[in-house]
């Protein structure tokens, strides 16, 4: 593969994952499960409905699990690892990102240093919650075991989670310039 084309693919791969990253404001519930990133969730400003304690814990737990699944899927180039945590637009975009990096013979690895998340909307019927996330990540783009690019980033995300079965699923995950 030509060097310029490979560089373009690396840049596209990094940009593909950049639409995914988040941060925090205020006090919140900390969740740190084995192998899962830390998620600090502040529910104080959620409207129009107050977030219940059990919902707060479930959202933080499931959002952390989604980020762990995302890290595993990007590193292993396996979109099937997203299915239990991502649906809708988020699942489709992430699947496309994995497909593109697989075609290029690349994969991504990131060290998730934590998420500071604010709940800003909780639907009246309790079926959807909108989050603002600030994520601290180290992202690496690899060709086999060779690191082609490494970068520490702070990314702001807007996420929409919907209730499904016995968990919360990430339906939308978009990087934004800042809140």
Protein backbone atom coordinates (compact mmCIF):
# COMPACT_ATOMS: atom_id res chain seq x y z
CA UNK A 1 0.00 0.00 0.00
CA UNK A 2 1.30 3.47 -0.87
CA UNK A 3 2.55 5.47 2.15
CA UNK A 4 0.20 8.41 1.45
CA UNK A 5 -2.82 6.10 1.22
CA UNK A 6 -1.85 4.35 4.47
CA UNK A 7 -1.52 7.76 6.23
CA UNK A 8 -4.93 8.80 4.91
CA UNK A 9 -6.43 5.58 6.29
CA UNK A 10 -4.78 6.16 9.68
CA UNK A 11 -6.19 9.69 9.84
CA UNK A 12 -9.63 8.43 8.81
CA UNK A 13 -9.49 5.70 11.46
CA UNK A 14 -8.62 8.17 14.20
CA UNK A 15 -11.34 10.53 13.00
CA UNK A 16 -13.79 7.63 12.96
CA UNK A 17 -13.33 6.95 16.65
CA UNK A 18 -13.19 10.64 17.57
CA UNK A 19 -16.94 10.97 17.06
CA UNK A 20 -17.22 8.80 20.18
CA UNK A 21 -15.50 10.57 23.17
CA UNK A 22 -16.83 12.42 26.58
CA UNK A 23 -16.35 14.49 30.14
CA UNK A 24 -17.94 15.66 33.60
CA UNK A 25 -19.42 18.39 35.75
CA UNK A 26 -20.43 18.16 39.42
CA UNK A 27 -20.67 15.32 41.89
CA UNK A 28 -21.97 11.97 40.75
CA UNK A 29 -22.10 8.25 41.21
CA UNK A 30 -18.86 6.40 40.42
CA UNK A 31 -18.97 3.04 38.70
CA UNK A 32 -15.83 0.99 38.20
CA UNK A 33 -16.46 -2.60 37.27
CA UNK A 34 -13.76 -5.13 36.46
CA UNK A 35 -12.29 -4.08 33.12
CA UNK A 36 -14.80 -1.29 32.65
CA UNK A 37 -13.99 2.41 32.45
CA UNK A 38 -14.93 4.71 35.31
CA UNK A 39 -18.14 6.66 34.71
CA UNK A 40 -19.07 9.56 36.97
CA UNK A 41 -22.74 10.39 36.41
CA UNK A 42 -24.28 13.65 37.64
CA UNK A 43 -28.10 13.58 37.56
CA UNK A 44 -28.77 16.93 39.28
CA UNK A 45 -29.70 18.83 36.09
CA UNK A 46 -31.84 16.20 34.37
CA UNK A 47 -35.26 17.43 33.27
CA UNK A 48 -38.20 17.18 33.03
CA UNK A 49 -38.15 14.22 35.38
CA UNK A 50 -35.92 13.34 38.32
CA UNK A 51 -33.65 10.31 37.80
CA UNK A 52 -34.22 7.56 40.37
CA UNK A 53 -31.23 6.07 42.23
CA UNK A 54 -31.71 2.66 40.61
CA UNK A 55 -31.85 4.26 37.15
CA UNK A 56 -28.71 6.30 37.86
CA UNK A 57 -26.80 3.15 38.80
CA UNK A 58 -28.10 1.19 35.80
CA UNK A 59 -27.29 3.97 33.31
CA UNK A 60 -23.74 4.39 34.69
CA UNK A 61 -23.19 0.61 34.68
CA UNK A 62 -24.52 0.10 31.16
CA UNK A 63 -22.73 3.14 29.73
CA UNK A 64 -19.43 1.85 31.16
CA UNK A 65 -20.16 -1.59 29.67
CA UNK A 66 -20.84 0.03 26.29
CA UNK A 67 -17.48 1.79 26.32
CA UNK A 68 -15.72 -1.45 27.24
CA UNK A 69 -17.52 -3.24 24.39
CA UNK A 70 -16.50 -0.43 22.03
CA UNK A 71 -12.85 -0.73 23.04
CA UNK A 72 -12.93 -4.51 22.54
CA UNK A 73 -14.73 -4.24 19.17
CA UNK A 74 -12.28 -1.65 17.80
CA UNK A 75 -9.21 -3.58 18.95
CA UNK A 76 -10.43 -6.93 17.63
CA UNK A 77 -12.22 -5.55 14.52
CA UNK A 78 -15.38 -7.36 15.61
CA UNK A 79 -18.62 -5.41 15.15
CA UNK A 80 -20.54 -8.31 16.73
CA UNK A 81 -19.16 -7.20 20.12
CA UNK A 82 -21.22 -4.00 19.87
CA UNK A 83 -24.65 -5.65 19.61
CA UNK A 84 -25.45 -6.00 23.30
CA UNK A 85 -24.74 -2.32 23.99
CA UNK A 86 -25.25 -0.25 20.82
CA UNK A 87 -28.34 0.08 18.62
CA UNK A 88 -29.60 2.47 15.96
CA UNK A 89 -27.32 5.18 14.60
CA UNK A 90 -24.51 4.49 17.09
CA UNK A 91 -24.38 0.79 16.24
CA UNK A 92 -24.43 1.50 12.50
CA UNK A 93 -21.68 4.14 12.58
CA UNK A 94 -19.42 2.08 14.81
CA UNK A 95 -19.94 -0.98 12.63
CA UNK A 96 -18.92 1.07 9.58
CA UNK A 97 -15.80 2.34 11.38
CA UNK A 98 -14.77 -1.23 12.21
CA UNK A 99 -15.42 -2.36 8.64
CA UNK A 100 -13.23 0.45 7.24
CA UNK A 101 -10.34 -0.20 9.59
CA UNK A 102 -10.53 -3.95 8.89
CA UNK A 103 -10.33 -3.26 5.13
CA UNK A 104 -7.25 -1.12 5.76
CA UNK A 105 -5.63 -3.85 7.86
CA UNK A 106 -5.65 -1.64 10.95
CA UNK A 107 -7.15 -1.71 14.41
CA UNK A 108 -7.50 0.75 17.27
CA UNK A 109 -6.69 0.43 20.91
CA UNK A 110 -7.61 2.93 23.53
CA UNK A 111 -6.98 3.30 27.18
CA UNK A 112 -10.10 4.74 28.69
CA UNK A 113 -9.16 7.13 31.50
CA UNK A 114 -12.74 7.88 32.53
CA UNK A 115 -15.97 9.65 31.71
CA UNK A 116 -17.54 12.64 33.40
CA UNK A 117 -21.19 12.52 32.42
CA UNK A 118 -24.13 14.86 33.00
CA UNK A 119 -27.70 13.68 32.50
CA UNK A 120 -29.54 16.60 30.90
CA UNK A 121 -32.82 15.02 29.80
CA UNK A 122 -34.78 12.10 31.22
CA UNK A 123 -37.99 11.41 29.33
CA UNK A 124 -41.29 11.68 31.24
CA UNK A 125 -42.05 7.97 30.74
CA UNK A 126 -38.50 6.93 31.70
CA UNK A 127 -37.58 5.30 28.40
CA UNK A 128 -34.75 7.60 27.24
CA UNK A 129 -31.96 9.63 28.80
CA UNK A 130 -29.66 12.17 27.14
CA UNK A 131 -26.11 12.51 28.41
CA UNK A 132 -23.27 14.95 27.94
CA UNK A 133 -19.99 13.08 28.32
CA UNK A 134 -16.41 14.25 28.54
CA UNK A 135 -14.05 11.34 27.99
CA UNK A 136 -10.33 11.19 28.61
CA UNK A 137 -8.72 8.65 26.26
CA UNK A 138 -5.44 7.54 24.83
CA UNK A 139 -6.06 6.32 21.29
CA UNK A 140 -3.63 4.21 19.29
CA UNK A 141 -3.96 3.15 15.65
CA UNK A 142 -2.06 -0.08 14.95
CA UNK A 143 -0.99 -2.13 11.98
CA UNK A 144 -0.61 -5.54 13.60
CA UNK A 145 1.53 -4.83 16.67
CA UNK A 146 3.10 -1.67 15.21
CA UNK A 147 1.73 1.61 16.58
CA UNK A 148 1.19 4.03 13.69
CA UNK A 149 -0.35 6.84 15.72
CA UNK A 150 -0.87 7.52 19.43
CA UNK A 151 -2.64 10.46 21.02
CA UNK A 152 -4.13 11.54 24.35
CA UNK A 153 -7.47 13.26 23.82
CA UNK A 154 -10.37 14.80 25.67
CA UNK A 155 -13.55 14.32 23.66
CA UNK A 156 -17.02 15.67 24.36
CA UNK A 157 -19.97 13.46 23.41
CA UNK A 158 -23.70 13.67 23.36
CA UNK A 159 -25.26 10.27 23.96
CA UNK A 160 -28.85 9.09 23.87
CA UNK A 161 -29.59 5.89 25.74
CA UNK A 162 -32.89 4.04 25.53
CA UNK A 163 -34.33 1.43 27.84
CA UNK A 164 -34.43 -2.06 26.35
CA UNK A 165 -35.11 -5.39 28.02
CA UNK A 166 -33.21 -5.14 31.33
CA UNK A 167 -30.57 -2.60 30.31
CA UNK A 168 -29.85 0.75 28.70
CA UNK A 169 -28.58 0.77 25.08
CA UNK A 170 -26.58 3.54 23.41
CA UNK A 171 -28.67 4.68 20.43
CA UNK A 172 -26.75 7.86 19.53
CA UNK A 173 -23.13 8.73 20.30
CA UNK A 174 -21.79 11.88 18.65
CA UNK A 175 -18.66 13.89 19.33
CA UNK A 176 -19.32 17.60 19.71
CA UNK A 177 -16.91 20.56 19.92
CA UNK A 178 -17.82 21.39 23.54
CA UNK A 179 -20.82 21.90 25.81
